[in-house]
């Protein structure tokens, strides 16, 4: 561990400690940039880059401040990894954000969708998803989902990296919608002439419209979309 040890914390998942056990959130200032210029030496101990504790702490940081108010310094405080090392290994906060979202897609987002399916009926699960990405401010979990479907989607048009992240997220979301709608059609909870695949694609159109409206602060149009989704899923035979 060198001079510092590590301790879990309820806010900053991993924080550096002084040799006497006291919290030292400014530890990164004691390490100069020159210490990290040799990338070969960095690769000896780079397991933290994919460590769930590091990724979770960085995700909490982004979900607390959102990308545009997050700095590498803040990420360093939350993760316990010196700011200079973060800069050398990843780049700026936007590049760190991309790495964290890529991890979250496989580790957190899919698990959250499965949890919705396990505790909600099909219609409620879909509505809960839409409520989560339009709720602001929300819980830590819903803020994390908003990072994917608001922040990342707004970055996607000018960034191949975020374009790929959004494409993967939308594919996973389409699968979730298809499974929920199929279950609803089978049980009779959803009555529709369209196939589950067609309804899922229509729901994705609604999702794609939300980031722009969220940035504009157009709450009225967002509520109209939520009403349209509810009407689509809860239409009756008559």
C-alpha atoms as a PDB file:
ATOM      1  CA  UNK A   1       0.000   0.000   0.000  1.00  0.00           C
ATOM      2  CA  UNK A   2       2.967   2.382   0.460  1.00  0.00           C
ATOM      3  CA  UNK A   3       2.267   5.353   2.724  1.00  0.00           C
ATOM      4  CA  UNK A   4      -1.474   5.152   2.291  1.00  0.00           C
ATOM      5  CA  UNK A   5      -4.124   2.548   3.012  1.00  0.00           C
ATOM      6  CA  UNK A   6      -7.710   2.392   1.796  1.00  0.00           C
ATOM      7  CA  UNK A   7     -11.032   2.560   3.587  1.00  0.00           C
ATOM      8  CA  UNK A   8     -14.600   2.200   2.375  1.00  0.00           C
ATOM      9  CA  UNK A   9     -16.880   5.147   3.035  1.00  0.00           C
ATOM     10  CA  UNK A  10     -20.619   5.650   2.535  1.00  0.00           C
ATOM     11  CA  UNK A  11     -20.097   8.559   0.117  1.00  0.00           C
ATOM     12  CA  UNK A  12     -16.596   8.163  -1.302  1.00  0.00           C
ATOM     13  CA  UNK A  13     -16.383   4.401  -1.676  1.00  0.00           C
ATOM     14  CA  UNK A  14     -12.595   4.374  -1.475  1.00  0.00           C
ATOM     15  CA  UNK A  15     -10.714   7.095   0.389  1.00  0.00           C
ATOM     16  CA  UNK A  16      -6.978   7.358   1.185  1.00  0.00           C
ATOM     17  CA  UNK A  17      -5.747   7.163   4.757  1.00  0.00           C
ATOM     18  CA  UNK A  18      -2.652   8.591   6.398  1.00  0.00           C
ATOM     19  CA  UNK A  19      -0.210   6.150   7.980  1.00  0.00           C
ATOM     20  CA  UNK A  20      -1.851   6.863  11.366  1.00  0.00           C
ATOM     21  CA  UNK A  21      -5.278   5.932  10.013  1.00  0.00           C
ATOM     22  CA  UNK A  22      -6.648   9.453   9.627  1.00  0.00           C
ATOM     23  CA  UNK A  23      -8.587  10.315   6.464  1.00  0.00           C
ATOM     24  CA  UNK A  24      -6.411  12.161   3.949  1.00  0.00           C
ATOM     25  CA  UNK A  25      -8.622  13.227   0.986  1.00  0.00           C
ATOM     26  CA  UNK A  26      -5.896  15.589  -0.254  1.00  0.00           C
ATOM     27  CA  UNK A  27      -3.296  12.847  -0.547  1.00  0.00           C
ATOM     28  CA  UNK A  28      -3.072  13.303  -4.294  1.00  0.00           C
ATOM     29  CA  UNK A  29      -1.360  16.681  -3.734  1.00  0.00           C
ATOM     30  CA  UNK A  30       1.633  14.869  -2.222  1.00  0.00           C
ATOM     31  CA  UNK A  31       2.276  12.996  -5.452  1.00  0.00           C
ATOM     32  CA  UNK A  32       3.810  14.916  -8.325  1.00  0.00           C
ATOM     33  CA  UNK A  33       2.898  14.506 -11.965  1.00  0.00           C
ATOM     34  CA  UNK A  34       6.458  13.400 -12.689  1.00  0.00           C
ATOM     35  CA  UNK A  35       5.869  10.269 -10.629  1.00  0.00           C
ATOM     36  CA  UNK A  36       3.410   9.077 -13.277  1.00  0.00           C
ATOM     37  CA  UNK A  37       5.183   9.919 -16.514  1.00  0.00           C
ATOM     38  CA  UNK A  38       6.553   6.429 -16.835  1.00  0.00           C
ATOM     39  CA  UNK A  39       3.567   4.459 -18.130  1.00  0.00           C
ATOM     40  CA  UNK A  40       5.457   1.163 -17.868  1.00  0.00           C
ATOM     41  CA  UNK A  41       5.626   1.562 -14.098  1.00  0.00           C
ATOM     42  CA  UNK A  42       1.910   2.406 -13.982  1.00  0.00           C
ATOM     43  CA  UNK A  43       0.990  -0.848 -15.691  1.00  0.00           C
ATOM     44  CA  UNK A  44       2.550  -2.823 -12.820  1.00  0.00           C
ATOM     45  CA  UNK A  45      -0.336  -1.821 -10.563  1.00  0.00           C
ATOM     46  CA  UNK A  46      -3.329  -0.859 -12.692  1.00  0.00           C
ATOM     47  CA  UNK A  47      -5.971  -3.260 -11.371  1.00  0.00           C
ATOM     48  CA  UNK A  48      -7.805  -0.295  -9.844  1.00  0.00           C
ATOM     49  CA  UNK A  49      -8.854   0.778 -13.366  1.00  0.00           C
ATOM     50  CA  UNK A  50     -11.375  -2.060 -13.567  1.00  0.00           C
ATOM     51  CA  UNK A  51     -11.982  -2.523  -9.845  1.00  0.00           C
ATOM     52  CA  UNK A  52     -15.730  -2.361  -9.007  1.00  0.00           C
ATOM     53  CA  UNK A  53     -14.983  -0.182  -5.972  1.00  0.00           C
ATOM     54  CA  UNK A  54     -13.237   2.406  -8.125  1.00  0.00           C
ATOM     55  CA  UNK A  55     -15.925   2.366 -10.824  1.00  0.00           C
ATOM     56  CA  UNK A  56     -18.775   2.572  -8.301  1.00  0.00           C
ATOM     57  CA  UNK A  57     -17.140   5.517  -6.523  1.00  0.00           C
ATOM     58  CA  UNK A  58     -16.572   7.379  -9.808  1.00  0.00           C
ATOM     59  CA  UNK A  59     -20.163   6.658 -10.865  1.00  0.00           C
ATOM     60  CA  UNK A  60     -21.446   8.103  -7.585  1.00  0.00           C
ATOM     61  CA  UNK A  61     -19.349  11.200  -8.199  1.00  0.00           C
ATOM     62  CA  UNK A  62     -20.801  11.713 -11.690  1.00  0.00           C
ATOM     63  CA  UNK A  63     -24.354  10.979 -10.546  1.00  0.00           C
ATOM     64  CA  UNK A  64     -23.956  13.529  -7.746  1.00  0.00           C
ATOM     65  CA  UNK A  65     -22.580  16.393  -9.831  1.00  0.00           C
ATOM     66  CA  UNK A  66     -23.386  15.350 -13.441  1.00  0.00           C
ATOM     67  CA  UNK A  67     -20.603  15.507 -16.024  1.00  0.00           C
ATOM     68  CA  UNK A  68     -20.578  19.256 -16.580  1.00  0.00           C
ATOM     69  CA  UNK A  69     -19.968  20.004 -12.894  1.00  0.00           C
ATOM     70  CA  UNK A  70     -17.510  17.172 -12.226  1.00  0.00           C
ATOM     71  CA  UNK A  71     -13.744  17.683 -12.192  1.00  0.00           C
ATOM     72  CA  UNK A  72     -10.866  15.215 -12.095  1.00  0.00           C
ATOM     73  CA  UNK A  73     -10.118  16.589  -8.615  1.00  0.00           C
ATOM     74  CA  UNK A  74     -13.603  15.550  -7.405  1.00  0.00           C
ATOM     75  CA  UNK A  75     -13.245  12.098  -8.957  1.00  0.00           C
ATOM     76  CA  UNK A  76      -9.918  11.735  -7.144  1.00  0.00           C
ATOM     77  CA  UNK A  77     -11.570  12.556  -3.824  1.00  0.00           C
ATOM     78  CA  UNK A  78     -14.380  10.037  -4.376  1.00  0.00           C
ATOM     79  CA  UNK A  79     -12.146   7.209  -5.627  1.00  0.00           C
ATOM     80  CA  UNK A  80      -8.954   7.781  -3.646  1.00  0.00           C
ATOM     81  CA  UNK A  81      -6.905   7.614  -6.865  1.00  0.00           C
ATOM     82  CA  UNK A  82      -4.614  10.666  -7.290  1.00  0.00           C
ATOM     83  CA  UNK A  83      -5.797  13.204  -9.864  1.00  0.00           C
ATOM     84  CA  UNK A  84      -2.462  13.074 -11.695  1.00  0.00           C
ATOM     85  CA  UNK A  85      -2.753   9.325 -12.133  1.00  0.00           C
ATOM     86  CA  UNK A  86      -6.330   9.585 -13.349  1.00  0.00           C
ATOM     87  CA  UNK A  87      -5.238  12.123 -15.954  1.00  0.00           C
ATOM     88  CA  UNK A  88      -2.388   9.936 -17.217  1.00  0.00           C
ATOM     89  CA  UNK A  89      -4.437   6.740 -17.323  1.00  0.00           C
ATOM     90  CA  UNK A  90      -7.706   8.130 -18.736  1.00  0.00           C
ATOM     91  CA  UNK A  91      -7.393  11.777 -19.756  1.00  0.00           C
ATOM     92  CA  UNK A  92      -9.932  14.404 -18.734  1.00  0.00           C
ATOM     93  CA  UNK A  93     -13.217  13.966 -16.877  1.00  0.00           C
ATOM     94  CA  UNK A  94     -15.148  13.287 -20.111  1.00  0.00           C
ATOM     95  CA  UNK A  95     -12.889  10.332 -20.957  1.00  0.00           C
ATOM     96  CA  UNK A  96     -13.226   9.019 -17.407  1.00  0.00           C
ATOM     97  CA  UNK A  97     -17.001   9.399 -17.779  1.00  0.00           C
ATOM     98  CA  UNK A  98     -16.936   7.269 -20.927  1.00  0.00           C
ATOM     99  CA  UNK A  99     -14.975   4.510 -19.185  1.00  0.00           C
ATOM    100  CA  UNK A 100     -17.299   4.544 -16.179  1.00  0.00           C
ATOM    101  CA  UNK A 101     -20.464   4.392 -18.321  1.00  0.00           C
ATOM    102  CA  UNK A 102     -19.033   1.498 -20.348  1.00  0.00           C
ATOM    103  CA  UNK A 103     -18.529  -0.408 -17.087  1.00  0.00           C
ATOM    104  CA  UNK A 104     -21.959   0.593 -15.769  1.00  0.00           C
ATOM    105  CA  UNK A 105     -23.722  -0.696 -18.883  1.00  0.00           C
ATOM    106  CA  UNK A 106     -22.616  -4.253 -18.127  1.00  0.00           C
ATOM    107  CA  UNK A 107     -22.479  -4.179 -14.340  1.00  0.00           C
ATOM    108  CA  UNK A 108     -25.219  -1.882 -13.103  1.00  0.00           C
ATOM    109  CA  UNK A 109     -27.725  -0.954 -15.781  1.00  0.00           C
ATOM    110  CA  UNK A 110     -28.732  -4.472 -16.836  1.00  0.00           C
ATOM    111  CA  UNK A 111     -29.035  -5.525 -13.184  1.00  0.00           C
ATOM    112  CA  UNK A 112     -31.304  -2.539 -12.541  1.00  0.00           C
ATOM    113  CA  UNK A 113     -33.558  -3.469 -15.483  1.00  0.00           C
ATOM    114  CA  UNK A 114     -33.770  -7.063 -14.260  1.00  0.00           C
ATOM    115  CA  UNK A 115     -34.679  -5.796 -10.806  1.00  0.00           C
ATOM    116  CA  UNK A 116     -37.525  -3.747 -12.263  1.00  0.00           C
ATOM    117  CA  UNK A 117     -38.831  -6.833 -14.051  1.00  0.00           C
ATOM    118  CA  UNK A 118     -38.667  -8.886 -10.861  1.00  0.00           C
ATOM    119  CA  UNK A 119     -40.542  -6.442  -8.613  1.00  0.00           C
ATOM    120  CA  UNK A 120     -42.984  -4.805 -11.067  1.00  0.00           C
ATOM    121  CA  UNK A 121     -45.624  -5.992 -13.498  1.00  0.00           C
ATOM    122  CA  UNK A 122     -44.724  -5.376 -17.186  1.00  0.00           C
ATOM    123  CA  UNK A 123     -46.486  -2.027 -17.574  1.00  0.00           C
ATOM    124  CA  UNK A 124     -45.259  -0.713 -14.236  1.00  0.00           C
ATOM    125  CA  UNK A 125     -41.668  -1.738 -15.058  1.00  0.00           C
ATOM    126  CA  UNK A 126     -41.709   0.295 -18.283  1.00  0.00           C
ATOM    127  CA  UNK A 127     -43.361   3.278 -16.630  1.00  0.00           C
ATOM    128  CA  UNK A 128     -40.849   3.135 -13.772  1.00  0.00           C
ATOM    129  CA  UNK A 129     -38.035   3.333 -16.335  1.00  0.00           C
ATOM    130  CA  UNK A 130     -39.511   6.450 -17.957  1.00  0.00           C
ATOM    131  CA  UNK A 131     -40.155   8.058 -14.577  1.00  0.00           C
ATOM    132  CA  UNK A 132     -36.539   7.371 -13.589  1.00  0.00           C
ATOM    133  CA  UNK A 133     -34.999   9.169 -16.562  1.00  0.00           C
ATOM    134  CA  UNK A 134     -37.336  12.154 -16.225  1.00  0.00           C
ATOM    135  CA  UNK A 135     -37.088  12.507 -12.444  1.00  0.00           C
ATOM    136  CA  UNK A 136     -34.769  15.319 -11.358  1.00  0.00           C
ATOM    137  CA  UNK A 137     -33.214  15.266  -8.888  1.00  0.00           C
ATOM    138  CA  UNK A 138     -33.692  11.599  -8.178  1.00  0.00           C
ATOM    139  CA  UNK A 139     -32.147   8.834  -6.133  1.00  0.00           C
ATOM    140  CA  UNK A 140     -28.582   7.711  -6.803  1.00  0.00           C
ATOM    141  CA  UNK A 141     -29.875   4.853  -8.980  1.00  0.00           C
ATOM    142  CA  UNK A 142     -32.104   7.026 -11.118  1.00  0.00           C
ATOM    143  CA  UNK A 143     -29.391   9.659 -11.451  1.00  0.00           C
ATOM    144  CA  UNK A 144     -27.100   6.945 -12.813  1.00  0.00           C
ATOM    145  CA  UNK A 145     -29.704   5.970 -15.417  1.00  0.00           C
ATOM    146  CA  UNK A 146     -30.093   9.631 -16.373  1.00  0.00           C
ATOM    147  CA  UNK A 147     -26.343   9.770 -17.055  1.00  0.00           C
ATOM    148  CA  UNK A 148     -26.935   7.208 -19.823  1.00  0.00           C
ATOM    149  CA  UNK A 149     -30.177   8.487 -21.300  1.00  0.00           C
ATOM    150  CA  UNK A 150     -29.750  12.231 -20.911  1.00  0.00           C
ATOM    151  CA  UNK A 151     -26.093  13.215 -20.498  1.00  0.00           C
ATOM    152  CA  UNK A 152     -24.542  10.551 -22.757  1.00  0.00           C
ATOM    153  CA  UNK A 153     -27.266  10.886 -25.398  1.00  0.00           C
ATOM    154  CA  UNK A 154     -26.632  14.620 -25.626  1.00  0.00           C
ATOM    155  CA  UNK A 155     -22.899  13.924 -26.120  1.00  0.00           C
ATOM    156  CA  UNK A 156     -23.420  11.147 -28.677  1.00  0.00           C
ATOM    157  CA  UNK A 157     -23.908  13.236 -31.868  1.00  0.00           C
ATOM    158  CA  UNK A 158     -20.399  14.694 -31.618  1.00  0.00           C
ATOM    159  CA  UNK A 159     -18.589  11.742 -30.051  1.00  0.00           C
ATOM    160  CA  UNK A 160     -18.048   8.248 -31.519  1.00  0.00           C
ATOM    161  CA  UNK A 161     -17.300   6.922 -28.021  1.00  0.00           C
ATOM    162  CA  UNK A 162     -20.584   8.102 -26.550  1.00  0.00           C
ATOM    163  CA  UNK A 163     -22.363   7.176 -29.765  1.00  0.00           C
ATOM    164  CA  UNK A 164     -21.298   3.558 -29.188  1.00  0.00           C
ATOM    165  CA  UNK A 165     -22.268   3.700 -25.512  1.00  0.00           C
ATOM    166  CA  UNK A 166     -25.743   4.993 -26.368  1.00  0.00           C
ATOM    167  CA  UNK A 167     -26.161   2.384 -29.129  1.00  0.00           C
ATOM    168  CA  UNK A 168     -25.404  -0.425 -26.675  1.00  0.00           C
ATOM    169  CA  UNK A 169     -27.686   1.115 -24.042  1.00  0.00           C
ATOM    170  CA  UNK A 170     -30.564   1.424 -26.513  1.00  0.00           C
ATOM    171  CA  UNK A 171     -30.101  -2.194 -27.630  1.00  0.00           C
ATOM    172  CA  UNK A 172     -30.278  -3.410 -24.022  1.00  0.00           C
ATOM    173  CA  UNK A 173     -33.284  -1.182 -23.418  1.00  0.00           C
ATOM    174  CA  UNK A 174     -35.074  -2.507 -26.509  1.00  0.00           C
ATOM    175  CA  UNK A 175     -34.610  -6.048 -25.196  1.00  0.00           C
ATOM    176  CA  UNK A 176     -36.076  -4.963 -21.851  1.00  0.00           C
ATOM    177  CA  UNK A 177     -39.070  -3.311 -23.555  1.00  0.00           C
ATOM    178  CA  UNK A 178     -39.682  -6.375 -25.777  1.00  0.00           C
ATOM    179  CA  UNK A 179     -39.624  -8.738 -22.812  1.00  0.00           C
ATOM    180  CA  UNK A 180     -41.998  -6.564 -20.782  1.00  0.00           C
ATOM    181  CA  UNK A 181     -44.434  -6.007 -23.668  1.00  0.00           C
ATOM    182  CA  UNK A 182     -44.396  -9.695 -24.630  1.00  0.00           C
ATOM    183  CA  UNK A 183     -45.248 -10.627 -21.050  1.00  0.00           C
ATOM    184  CA  UNK A 184     -47.979  -7.986 -20.965  1.00  0.00           C
ATOM    185  CA  UNK A 185     -49.512  -9.154 -24.249  1.00  0.00           C
ATOM    186  CA  UNK A 186     -49.446 -12.766 -23.100  1.00  0.00           C
ATOM    187  CA  UNK A 187     -51.092 -12.000 -19.762  1.00  0.00           C
ATOM    188  CA  UNK A 188     -53.635  -9.636 -21.322  1.00  0.00           C
ATOM    189  CA  UNK A 189     -52.418  -6.641 -19.346  1.00  0.00           C
ATOM    190  CA  UNK A 190     -51.459  -4.944 -22.624  1.00  0.00           C
ATOM    191  CA  UNK A 191     -54.027  -4.930 -25.442  1.00  0.00           C
ATOM    192  CA  UNK A 192     -52.627  -3.903 -28.824  1.00  0.00           C
ATOM    193  CA  UNK A 193     -52.694  -4.770 -32.498  1.00  0.00           C
ATOM    194  CA  UNK A 194     -48.953  -4.108 -32.852  1.00  0.00           C
ATOM    195  CA  UNK A 195     -46.280  -6.693 -32.154  1.00  0.00           C
ATOM    196  CA  UNK A 196     -44.071  -6.480 -29.072  1.00  0.00           C
ATOM    197  CA  UNK A 197     -41.145  -5.512 -31.322  1.00  0.00           C
ATOM    198  CA  UNK A 198     -43.084  -2.630 -32.905  1.00  0.00           C
ATOM    199  CA  UNK A 199     -44.223  -1.312 -29.521  1.00  0.00           C
ATOM    200  CA  UNK A 200     -40.658  -1.557 -28.192  1.00  0.00           C
ATOM    201  CA  UNK A 201     -39.346   0.486 -31.129  1.00  0.00           C
ATOM    202  CA  UNK A 202     -42.021   3.130 -30.552  1.00  0.00           C
ATOM    203  CA  UNK A 203     -41.007   3.336 -26.892  1.00  0.00           C
ATOM    204  CA  UNK A 204     -37.407   3.901 -28.001  1.00  0.00           C
ATOM    205  CA  UNK A 205     -38.579   6.887 -30.071  1.00  0.00           C
ATOM    206  CA  UNK A 206     -40.030   8.399 -26.901  1.00  0.00           C
ATOM    207  CA  UNK A 207     -36.739   7.749 -25.070  1.00  0.00           C
ATOM    208  CA  UNK A 208     -34.742   9.446 -27.831  1.00  0.00           C
ATOM    209  CA  UNK A 209     -36.878  12.589 -27.574  1.00  0.00           C
ATOM    210  CA  UNK A 210     -36.346  13.078 -23.837  1.00  0.00           C
ATOM    211  CA  UNK A 211     -32.695  14.327 -23.653  1.00  0.00           C
ATOM    212  CA  UNK A 212     -33.359  17.439 -25.748  1.00  0.00           C
ATOM    213  CA  UNK A 213     -36.508  18.237 -23.780  1.00  0.00           C
ATOM    214  CA  UNK A 214     -34.644  17.717 -20.491  1.00  0.00           C
ATOM    215  CA  UNK A 215     -31.890  20.138 -21.548  1.00  0.00           C
ATOM    216  CA  UNK A 216     -34.493  22.701 -22.598  1.00  0.00           C
ATOM    217  CA  UNK A 217     -36.268  22.303 -19.282  1.00  0.00           C
ATOM    218  CA  UNK A 218     -39.499  21.627 -21.171  1.00  0.00           C
ATOM    219  CA  UNK A 219     -41.314  19.849 -18.374  1.00  0.00           C
ATOM    220  CA  UNK A 220     -44.673  20.160 -20.095  1.00  0.00           C
ATOM    221  CA  UNK A 221     -43.551  18.192 -23.164  1.00  0.00           C
ATOM    222  CA  UNK A 222     -41.875  15.592 -20.952  1.00  0.00           C
ATOM    223  CA  UNK A 223     -45.136  15.038 -19.084  1.00  0.00           C
ATOM    224  CA  UNK A 224     -46.930  14.693 -22.437  1.00  0.00           C
ATOM    225  CA  UNK A 225     -44.496  11.930 -23.439  1.00  0.00           C
ATOM    226  CA  UNK A 226     -45.056  10.135 -20.141  1.00  0.00           C
ATOM    227  CA  UNK A 227     -48.816  10.365 -20.720  1.00  0.00           C
ATOM    228  CA  UNK A 228     -48.404   9.002 -24.278  1.00  0.00           C
ATOM    229  CA  UNK A 229     -46.360   6.052 -22.998  1.00  0.00           C
ATOM    230  CA  UNK A 230     -48.969   5.283 -20.358  1.00  0.00           C
ATOM    231  CA  UNK A 231     -51.793   5.513 -22.904  1.00  0.00           C
ATOM    232  CA  UNK A 232     -49.928   3.224 -25.325  1.00  0.00           C
ATOM    233  CA  UNK A 233     -49.436   0.548 -22.670  1.00  0.00           C
ATOM    234  CA  UNK A 234     -52.780   0.820 -20.923  1.00  0.00           C
ATOM    235  CA  UNK A 235     -55.101   1.112 -23.923  1.00  0.00           C
ATOM    236  CA  UNK A 236     -58.126  -1.125 -23.622  1.00  0.00           C
ATOM    237  CA  UNK A 237     -60.127  -2.994 -26.211  1.00  0.00           C
ATOM    238  CA  UNK A 238     -62.794  -0.344 -26.533  1.00  0.00           C
END
